[in-house]
Amino acid sequence: MKKNFLFFTFILLFLQNCGFAPIYTESKNEDFKFNIIEISGDIDMNNLVNINIKKYSNKISTNTINLKIDTNYKKNIISKNKAGEATSYLIVTGITFQVIDLEKPNIFTFKDETKLSNINNKFELRNYENSIKNNFISSAIEKLILKIPKNK
């Protein structure tokens, strides 16, 4: 028992000082206030953008970043069975952030393609599509925050 305690204590002390740091720690500490000027595209994705951008926005910050956002979502049929029913889909999601700055506007575009097999339960299929949208929006916003110039 004593050996296990010493072993875990040693491992804990060793891992604590190894220099490990999560990738997105810098983005969580940024002092930005996001202001969405215009948003267009897919309504569901626009709602997700509004919700997720608030997570990273500091309401009392003086460093305001104005954004124009355009989202798009397409669900294309890749293959059908003999009865003419879709068996697999290609989901294409995209988002374009235009950072409005007085000096020069920056445009950041993110796209993703996901292949999806048809699910007989339409409710599960819709939930899976919503999770694809949500994951894409979250990762796109985190990538945007990493690309925004730090000296703005």
N, C-alpha and C. Protein backbone atom coordinates (compact mmCIF):
# COMPACT_ATOMS: atom_id res chain seq x y z
N MET A 1 0.83 -1.20 0.00
CA MET A 1 0.00 0.00 0.00
C MET A 1 0.87 1.25 0.00
N LYS A 2 1.93 1.17 0.80
CA LYS A 2 2.83 2.32 0.88
C LYS A 2 3.57 2.54 -0.44
N LYS A 3 3.91 1.43 -1.12
CA LYS A 3 4.59 1.55 -2.41
C LYS A 3 3.69 2.21 -3.44
N ASN A 4 2.40 1.85 -3.45
CA ASN A 4 1.46 2.46 -4.39
C ASN A 4 1.31 3.95 -4.13
N PHE A 5 1.24 4.34 -2.89
CA PHE A 5 1.10 5.75 -2.54
C PHE A 5 2.33 6.53 -2.99
N LEU A 6 3.53 5.99 -2.72
CA LEU A 6 4.76 6.65 -3.15
C LEU A 6 4.85 6.72 -4.67
N PHE A 7 4.43 5.66 -5.34
CA PHE A 7 4.47 5.63 -6.80
C PHE A 7 3.55 6.71 -7.39
N PHE A 8 2.32 6.79 -6.91
CA PHE A 8 1.37 7.78 -7.43
C PHE A 8 1.80 9.20 -7.08
N THR A 9 2.38 9.38 -5.91
CA THR A 9 2.88 10.70 -5.54
C THR A 9 4.03 11.11 -6.46
N PHE A 10 4.92 10.18 -6.74
CA PHE A 10 6.03 10.46 -7.64
C PHE A 10 5.53 10.80 -9.04
N ILE A 11 4.58 10.03 -9.55
CA ILE A 11 4.02 10.28 -10.89
C ILE A 11 3.34 11.64 -10.92
N LEU A 12 2.58 11.96 -9.89
CA LEU A 12 1.88 13.25 -9.83
C LEU A 12 2.87 14.41 -9.85
N LEU A 13 3.92 14.32 -9.07
CA LEU A 13 4.93 15.39 -9.05
C LEU A 13 5.68 15.48 -10.38
N PHE A 14 5.95 14.34 -10.98
CA PHE A 14 6.67 14.33 -12.25
C PHE A 14 5.82 14.95 -13.36
N LEU A 15 4.54 14.60 -13.45
CA LEU A 15 3.69 15.12 -14.50
C LEU A 15 3.33 16.58 -14.30
N GLN A 16 3.37 17.03 -13.08
CA GLN A 16 3.02 18.41 -12.80
C GLN A 16 4.08 19.38 -13.35
N ASN A 17 5.29 18.93 -13.47
CA ASN A 17 6.37 19.81 -13.90
C ASN A 17 6.92 19.45 -15.27
N CYS A 18 6.16 18.75 -16.08
CA CYS A 18 6.69 18.32 -17.37
C CYS A 18 6.49 19.37 -18.47
N GLY A 19 5.80 20.47 -18.20
CA GLY A 19 5.62 21.52 -19.18
C GLY A 19 4.40 21.34 -20.05
N PHE A 20 3.53 20.43 -19.72
CA PHE A 20 2.32 20.22 -20.50
C PHE A 20 1.39 21.41 -20.34
N ALA A 21 0.86 21.88 -21.47
CA ALA A 21 -0.14 22.96 -21.45
C ALA A 21 -1.16 22.69 -22.54
N PRO A 22 -2.44 22.84 -22.25
CA PRO A 22 -3.45 22.64 -23.28
C PRO A 22 -3.28 23.63 -24.43
N ILE A 23 -3.72 23.23 -25.61
CA ILE A 23 -3.52 24.03 -26.81
C ILE A 23 -4.24 25.36 -26.74
N TYR A 24 -5.48 25.35 -26.27
CA TYR A 24 -6.31 26.55 -26.34
C TYR A 24 -6.27 27.41 -25.08
N THR A 25 -5.26 27.26 -24.21
CA THR A 25 -5.23 28.08 -23.01
C THR A 25 -5.06 29.55 -23.35
N GLU A 26 -4.31 29.85 -24.40
CA GLU A 26 -4.13 31.26 -24.77
C GLU A 26 -5.43 31.88 -25.24
N SER A 27 -6.25 31.13 -25.97
CA SER A 27 -7.48 31.70 -26.51
C SER A 27 -8.50 31.97 -25.42
N LYS A 28 -8.48 31.23 -24.33
CA LYS A 28 -9.43 31.44 -23.26
C LYS A 28 -9.13 32.73 -22.51
N ASN A 29 -7.89 33.17 -22.53
CA ASN A 29 -7.50 34.35 -21.77
C ASN A 29 -7.49 35.62 -22.60
N GLU A 30 -7.91 35.55 -23.85
CA GLU A 30 -7.92 36.73 -24.69
C GLU A 30 -8.98 37.71 -24.21
N ASP A 31 -8.71 38.95 -24.44
CA ASP A 31 -9.60 40.01 -23.97
C ASP A 31 -10.29 40.63 -25.18
N PHE A 32 -11.25 39.91 -25.73
CA PHE A 32 -11.99 40.37 -26.89
C PHE A 32 -13.46 40.52 -26.55
N LYS A 33 -14.08 41.47 -27.21
CA LYS A 33 -15.53 41.60 -27.17
C LYS A 33 -15.99 41.48 -28.62
N PHE A 34 -16.72 40.42 -28.93
CA PHE A 34 -17.17 40.20 -30.29
C PHE A 34 -18.50 40.90 -30.52
N ASN A 35 -18.57 41.62 -31.62
CA ASN A 35 -19.78 42.32 -32.01
C ASN A 35 -20.14 41.84 -33.42
N ILE A 36 -21.27 41.13 -33.52
CA ILE A 36 -21.70 40.60 -34.81
C ILE A 36 -22.51 41.68 -35.51
N ILE A 37 -21.96 42.21 -36.59
CA ILE A 37 -22.63 43.26 -37.36
C ILE A 37 -23.68 42.67 -38.27
N GLU A 38 -23.30 41.61 -38.97
CA GLU A 38 -24.20 40.98 -39.94
C GLU A 38 -23.96 39.49 -39.92
N ILE A 39 -25.05 38.72 -40.00
CA ILE A 39 -24.94 37.28 -40.06
C ILE A 39 -25.95 36.76 -41.08
N SER A 40 -25.49 35.88 -41.96
CA SER A 40 -26.37 35.36 -43.00
C SER A 40 -26.05 33.89 -43.24
N GLY A 41 -26.98 33.21 -43.90
CA GLY A 41 -26.78 31.81 -44.23
C GLY A 41 -27.79 30.92 -43.55
N ASP A 42 -27.34 29.72 -43.16
CA ASP A 42 -28.19 28.72 -42.53
C ASP A 42 -28.65 29.19 -41.15
N ILE A 43 -29.95 29.15 -40.91
CA ILE A 43 -30.52 29.69 -39.67
C ILE A 43 -30.05 28.91 -38.45
N ASP A 44 -30.03 27.59 -38.54
CA ASP A 44 -29.57 26.77 -37.40
C ASP A 44 -28.12 27.07 -37.05
N MET A 45 -27.28 27.16 -38.08
CA MET A 45 -25.87 27.44 -37.82
C MET A 45 -25.69 28.86 -37.28
N ASN A 46 -26.50 29.81 -37.74
CA ASN A 46 -26.40 31.17 -37.23
C ASN A 46 -26.73 31.23 -35.74
N ASN A 47 -27.75 30.48 -35.32
CA ASN A 47 -28.08 30.43 -33.90
C ASN A 47 -26.95 29.82 -33.09
N LEU A 48 -26.33 28.77 -33.61
CA LEU A 48 -25.19 28.15 -32.92
C LEU A 48 -24.00 29.10 -32.83
N VAL A 49 -23.77 29.89 -33.88
CA VAL A 49 -22.68 30.87 -33.85
C VAL A 49 -22.95 31.91 -32.77
N ASN A 50 -24.16 32.41 -32.70
CA ASN A 50 -24.50 33.40 -31.67
C ASN A 50 -24.28 32.86 -30.27
N ILE A 51 -24.67 31.63 -30.04
CA ILE A 51 -24.51 31.02 -28.72
C ILE A 51 -23.04 30.79 -28.39
N ASN A 52 -22.30 30.21 -29.35
CA ASN A 52 -20.90 29.85 -29.09
C ASN A 52 -19.97 31.05 -29.03
N ILE A 53 -20.27 32.11 -29.75
CA ILE A 53 -19.38 33.27 -29.74
C ILE A 53 -19.45 34.00 -28.40
N LYS A 54 -20.58 33.86 -27.72
CA LYS A 54 -20.72 34.49 -26.40
C LYS A 54 -19.80 33.85 -25.37
N LYS A 55 -19.42 32.58 -25.56
CA LYS A 55 -18.52 31.90 -24.65
C LYS A 55 -17.14 32.57 -24.62
N TYR A 56 -16.74 33.13 -25.74
CA TYR A 56 -15.40 33.70 -25.86
C TYR A 56 -15.40 35.22 -25.79
N SER A 57 -16.56 35.82 -25.66
CA SER A 57 -16.67 37.27 -25.66
C SER A 57 -16.64 37.79 -24.23
N ASN A 58 -15.79 38.78 -23.99
CA ASN A 58 -15.70 39.43 -22.70
C ASN A 58 -16.50 40.72 -22.78
N LYS A 59 -17.61 40.80 -22.06
CA LYS A 59 -18.53 41.92 -22.20
C LYS A 59 -17.94 43.25 -21.74
N ILE A 60 -16.98 43.24 -20.85
CA ILE A 60 -16.43 44.50 -20.33
C ILE A 60 -15.14 44.91 -21.03
N SER A 61 -14.75 44.17 -22.05
CA SER A 61 -13.52 44.48 -22.76
C SER A 61 -13.68 45.72 -23.64
N THR A 62 -12.60 46.45 -23.80
CA THR A 62 -12.59 47.61 -24.69
C THR A 62 -12.08 47.23 -26.08
N ASN A 63 -11.55 46.03 -26.20
CA ASN A 63 -11.02 45.53 -27.47
C ASN A 63 -12.15 44.86 -28.25
N THR A 64 -12.89 45.64 -29.02
CA THR A 64 -14.05 45.14 -29.75
C THR A 64 -13.64 44.67 -31.14
N ILE A 65 -14.14 43.49 -31.50
CA ILE A 65 -13.90 42.94 -32.82
C ILE A 65 -15.25 42.81 -33.52
N ASN A 66 -15.41 43.54 -34.60
CA ASN A 66 -16.65 43.52 -35.37
C ASN A 66 -16.58 42.43 -36.42
N LEU A 67 -17.64 41.63 -36.52
CA LEU A 67 -17.64 40.48 -37.42
C LEU A 67 -18.84 40.52 -38.36
N LYS A 68 -18.59 40.13 -39.61
CA LYS A 68 -19.65 39.77 -40.54
C LYS A 68 -19.47 38.29 -40.78
N ILE A 69 -20.57 37.54 -40.64
CA ILE A 69 -20.50 36.09 -40.68
C ILE A 69 -21.44 35.56 -41.75
N ASP A 70 -20.94 34.61 -42.52
CA ASP A 70 -21.76 33.93 -43.52
C ASP A 70 -21.57 32.42 -43.33
N THR A 71 -22.69 31.72 -43.09
CA THR A 71 -22.63 30.28 -42.88
C THR A 71 -23.33 29.58 -44.03
N ASN A 72 -22.89 28.36 -44.32
CA ASN A 72 -23.60 27.56 -45.31
C ASN A 72 -23.55 26.09 -44.92
N TYR A 73 -24.62 25.41 -45.30
CA TYR A 73 -24.79 23.99 -44.97
C TYR A 73 -25.47 23.31 -46.15
N LYS A 74 -24.85 22.25 -46.64
CA LYS A 74 -25.43 21.50 -47.76
C LYS A 74 -25.39 20.02 -47.43
N LYS A 75 -26.48 19.35 -47.75
CA LYS A 75 -26.58 17.91 -47.55
C LYS A 75 -26.86 17.29 -48.91
N ASN A 76 -25.85 16.67 -49.49
CA ASN A 76 -25.96 16.08 -50.82
C ASN A 76 -26.04 14.57 -50.72
N ILE A 77 -26.83 13.96 -51.59
CA ILE A 77 -26.96 12.51 -51.63
C ILE A 77 -25.79 11.95 -52.45
N ILE A 78 -25.07 11.00 -51.87
CA ILE A 78 -23.95 10.37 -52.57
C ILE A 78 -24.42 9.12 -53.30
N SER A 79 -25.20 8.30 -52.61
CA SER A 79 -25.64 7.06 -53.24
C SER A 79 -27.07 6.72 -52.82
N LYS A 80 -27.72 5.94 -53.67
CA LYS A 80 -29.09 5.49 -53.42
C LYS A 80 -29.15 3.97 -53.60
N ASN A 81 -30.16 3.36 -52.97
CA ASN A 81 -30.35 1.93 -53.16
C ASN A 81 -31.26 1.68 -54.37
N LYS A 82 -31.63 0.44 -54.63
CA LYS A 82 -32.46 0.09 -55.80
C LYS A 82 -33.85 0.71 -55.74
N ALA A 83 -34.35 0.97 -54.53
CA ALA A 83 -35.67 1.56 -54.36
C ALA A 83 -35.65 3.07 -54.53
N GLY A 84 -34.47 3.65 -54.68
CA GLY A 84 -34.36 5.09 -54.87
C GLY A 84 -34.21 5.87 -53.58
N GLU A 85 -34.04 5.17 -52.46
CA GLU A 85 -33.84 5.84 -51.17
C GLU A 85 -32.36 6.14 -50.97
N ALA A 86 -32.07 7.27 -50.36
CA ALA A 86 -30.69 7.66 -50.11
C ALA A 86 -30.06 6.74 -49.07
N THR A 87 -28.84 6.29 -49.35
CA THR A 87 -28.13 5.43 -48.39
C THR A 87 -26.94 6.13 -47.76
N SER A 88 -26.40 7.14 -48.43
CA SER A 88 -25.30 7.91 -47.84
C SER A 88 -25.35 9.35 -48.32
N TYR A 89 -24.87 10.22 -47.46
CA TYR A 89 -24.90 11.66 -47.72
C TYR A 89 -23.51 12.26 -47.57
N LEU A 90 -23.33 13.40 -48.20
CA LEU A 90 -22.14 14.21 -48.00
C LEU A 90 -22.62 15.54 -47.42
N ILE A 91 -22.18 15.82 -46.20
CA ILE A 91 -22.56 17.06 -45.53
C ILE A 91 -21.39 18.03 -45.65
N VAL A 92 -21.66 19.17 -46.26
CA VAL A 92 -20.64 20.21 -46.44
C VAL A 92 -21.03 21.41 -45.59
N THR A 93 -20.18 21.75 -44.63
CA THR A 93 -20.42 22.91 -43.78
C THR A 93 -19.32 23.93 -44.03
N GLY A 94 -19.68 25.18 -44.00
CA GLY A 94 -18.72 26.25 -44.21
C GLY A 94 -19.10 27.49 -43.45
N ILE A 95 -18.11 28.24 -43.08
CA ILE A 95 -18.35 29.51 -42.39
C ILE A 95 -17.25 30.49 -42.80
N THR A 96 -17.66 31.73 -43.03
CA THR A 96 -16.72 32.79 -43.37
C THR A 96 -16.88 33.91 -42.36
N PHE A 97 -15.77 34.24 -41.70
CA PHE A 97 -15.73 35.35 -40.76
C PHE A 97 -15.00 36.50 -41.45
N GLN A 98 -15.63 37.65 -41.48
CA GLN A 98 -14.96 38.84 -41.98
C GLN A 98 -14.77 39.76 -40.78
N VAL A 99 -13.50 39.94 -40.38
CA VAL A 99 -13.17 40.80 -39.26
C VAL A 99 -13.05 42.21 -39.81
N ILE A 100 -13.95 43.08 -39.38
CA ILE A 100 -13.97 44.47 -39.85
C ILE A 100 -13.00 45.27 -38.99
N ASP A 101 -11.99 45.77 -39.63
CA ASP A 101 -10.98 46.58 -38.96
C ASP A 101 -10.83 47.86 -39.77
N LEU A 102 -10.49 48.93 -39.09
CA LEU A 102 -10.34 50.21 -39.79
C LEU A 102 -9.18 50.18 -40.79
N GLU A 103 -8.11 49.46 -40.46
CA GLU A 103 -6.94 49.44 -41.34
C GLU A 103 -7.14 48.51 -42.53
N LYS A 104 -7.46 47.25 -42.25
CA LYS A 104 -7.70 46.30 -43.34
C LYS A 104 -8.57 45.16 -42.82
N PRO A 105 -9.58 44.79 -43.60
CA PRO A 105 -10.43 43.66 -43.17
C PRO A 105 -9.74 42.33 -43.40
N ASN A 106 -9.93 41.42 -42.48
CA ASN A 106 -9.39 40.06 -42.62
C ASN A 106 -10.56 39.11 -42.84
N ILE A 107 -10.39 38.18 -43.77
CA ILE A 107 -11.42 37.19 -44.06
C ILE A 107 -10.86 35.81 -43.75
N PHE A 108 -11.59 35.08 -42.91
CA PHE A 108 -11.20 33.73 -42.54
C PHE A 108 -12.32 32.78 -42.95
N THR A 109 -11.99 31.77 -43.74
CA THR A 109 -12.98 30.82 -44.22
C THR A 109 -12.60 29.42 -43.74
N PHE A 110 -13.60 28.72 -43.21
CA PHE A 110 -13.40 27.35 -42.74
C PHE A 110 -14.46 26.47 -43.39
N LYS A 111 -14.04 25.31 -43.90
CA LYS A 111 -14.96 24.36 -44.54
C LYS A 111 -14.67 22.96 -44.03
N ASP A 112 -15.71 22.14 -44.05
CA ASP A 112 -15.56 20.75 -43.62
C ASP A 112 -16.54 19.89 -44.39
N GLU A 113 -16.11 18.68 -44.73
CA GLU A 113 -16.96 17.71 -45.40
C GLU A 113 -17.03 16.45 -44.55
N THR A 114 -18.26 15.94 -44.38
CA THR A 114 -18.47 14.74 -43.59
C THR A 114 -19.36 13.78 -44.37
N LYS A 115 -18.92 12.53 -44.47
CA LYS A 115 -19.75 11.51 -45.11
C LYS A 115 -20.59 10.85 -44.02
N LEU A 116 -21.86 10.61 -44.37
CA LEU A 116 -22.81 10.12 -43.39
C LEU A 116 -23.65 9.02 -44.02
N SER A 117 -23.74 7.89 -43.35
CA SER A 117 -24.63 6.82 -43.80
C SER A 117 -26.03 7.09 -43.30
N ASN A 118 -27.01 6.71 -44.08
CA ASN A 118 -28.39 6.94 -43.71
C ASN A 118 -28.76 6.11 -42.49
N ILE A 119 -29.52 6.70 -41.59
CA ILE A 119 -30.02 6.03 -40.40
C ILE A 119 -31.54 5.93 -40.56
N ASN A 120 -32.09 4.77 -40.27
CA ASN A 120 -33.54 4.58 -40.43
C ASN A 120 -34.34 5.51 -39.52
N ASN A 121 -33.85 5.76 -38.33
CA ASN A 121 -34.53 6.64 -37.40
C ASN A 121 -34.21 8.09 -37.76
N LYS A 122 -35.17 8.80 -38.29
CA LYS A 122 -34.95 10.17 -38.76
C LYS A 122 -34.60 11.13 -37.62
N PHE A 123 -35.12 10.86 -36.42
CA PHE A 123 -34.81 11.70 -35.25
C PHE A 123 -33.32 11.60 -34.92
N GLU A 124 -32.77 10.37 -34.93
CA GLU A 124 -31.35 10.20 -34.67
C GLU A 124 -30.50 10.84 -35.76
N LEU A 125 -30.95 10.72 -37.00
CA LEU A 125 -30.23 11.33 -38.12
C LEU A 125 -30.17 12.84 -37.95
N ARG A 126 -31.28 13.46 -37.59
CA ARG A 126 -31.33 14.91 -37.38
C ARG A 126 -30.45 15.33 -36.21
N ASN A 127 -30.45 14.54 -35.12
CA ASN A 127 -29.59 14.85 -33.98
C ASN A 127 -28.11 14.74 -34.36
N TYR A 128 -27.78 13.76 -35.18
CA TYR A 128 -26.39 13.60 -35.61
C TYR A 128 -25.97 14.77 -36.50
N GLU A 129 -26.84 15.21 -37.37
CA GLU A 129 -26.55 16.38 -38.20
C GLU A 129 -26.35 17.62 -37.33
N ASN A 130 -27.17 17.79 -36.31
CA ASN A 130 -27.02 18.93 -35.41
C ASN A 130 -25.71 18.88 -34.64
N SER A 131 -25.29 17.69 -34.25
CA SER A 131 -24.01 17.59 -33.54
C SER A 131 -22.84 17.89 -34.49
N ILE A 132 -22.97 17.52 -35.76
CA ILE A 132 -21.94 17.86 -36.75
C ILE A 132 -21.84 19.38 -36.89
N LYS A 133 -22.98 20.05 -36.98
CA LYS A 133 -23.00 21.51 -37.07
C LYS A 133 -22.38 22.15 -35.84
N ASN A 134 -22.77 21.67 -34.66
CA ASN A 134 -22.28 22.26 -33.41
C ASN A 134 -20.77 22.08 -33.27
N ASN A 135 -20.26 20.90 -33.56
CA ASN A 135 -18.83 20.65 -33.47
C ASN A 135 -18.05 21.51 -34.47
N PHE A 136 -18.58 21.64 -35.67
CA PHE A 136 -17.92 22.46 -36.68
C PHE A 136 -17.86 23.93 -36.25
N ILE A 137 -18.98 24.46 -35.75
CA ILE A 137 -19.02 25.86 -35.31
C ILE A 137 -18.04 26.09 -34.18
N SER A 138 -18.01 25.19 -33.20
CA SER A 138 -17.10 25.35 -32.06
C SER A 138 -15.64 25.37 -32.50
N SER A 139 -15.27 24.44 -33.37
CA SER A 139 -13.88 24.40 -33.81
C SER A 139 -13.54 25.60 -34.70
N ALA A 140 -14.49 26.06 -35.52
CA ALA A 140 -14.22 27.22 -36.37
C ALA A 140 -14.02 28.49 -35.54
N ILE A 141 -14.79 28.65 -34.49
CA ILE A 141 -14.64 29.84 -33.64
C ILE A 141 -13.30 29.79 -32.91
N GLU A 142 -12.90 28.61 -32.43
CA GLU A 142 -11.60 28.49 -31.76
C GLU A 142 -10.46 28.78 -32.73
N LYS A 143 -10.58 28.31 -33.97
CA LYS A 143 -9.55 28.60 -34.97
C LYS A 143 -9.52 30.09 -35.30
N LEU A 144 -10.68 30.72 -35.34
CA LEU A 144 -10.74 32.17 -35.58
C LEU A 144 -10.02 32.93 -34.48
N ILE A 145 -10.26 32.55 -33.25
CA ILE A 145 -9.63 33.25 -32.13
C ILE A 145 -8.12 33.09 -32.17
N LEU A 146 -7.64 31.93 -32.59
CA LEU A 146 -6.20 31.73 -32.70
C LEU A 146 -5.59 32.55 -33.82
N LYS A 147 -6.38 32.87 -34.87
CA LYS A 147 -5.86 33.62 -36.02
C LYS A 147 -5.99 35.12 -35.88
N ILE A 148 -6.79 35.59 -34.93
CA ILE A 148 -6.95 37.04 -34.75
C ILE A 148 -5.64 37.62 -34.24
N PRO A 149 -5.17 38.70 -34.83
CA PRO A 149 -3.91 39.30 -34.37
C PRO A 149 -4.00 39.69 -32.90
N LYS A 150 -2.95 39.38 -32.17
CA LYS A 150 -2.92 39.63 -30.72
C LYS A 150 -2.77 41.11 -30.38
N ASN A 151 -2.26 41.90 -31.29
CA ASN A 151 -1.99 43.31 -31.00
C ASN A 151 -3.12 44.23 -31.42
N LYS A 152 -4.26 43.71 -31.73
CA LYS A 152 -5.39 44.55 -32.18
C LYS A 152 -5.85 45.43 -31.03
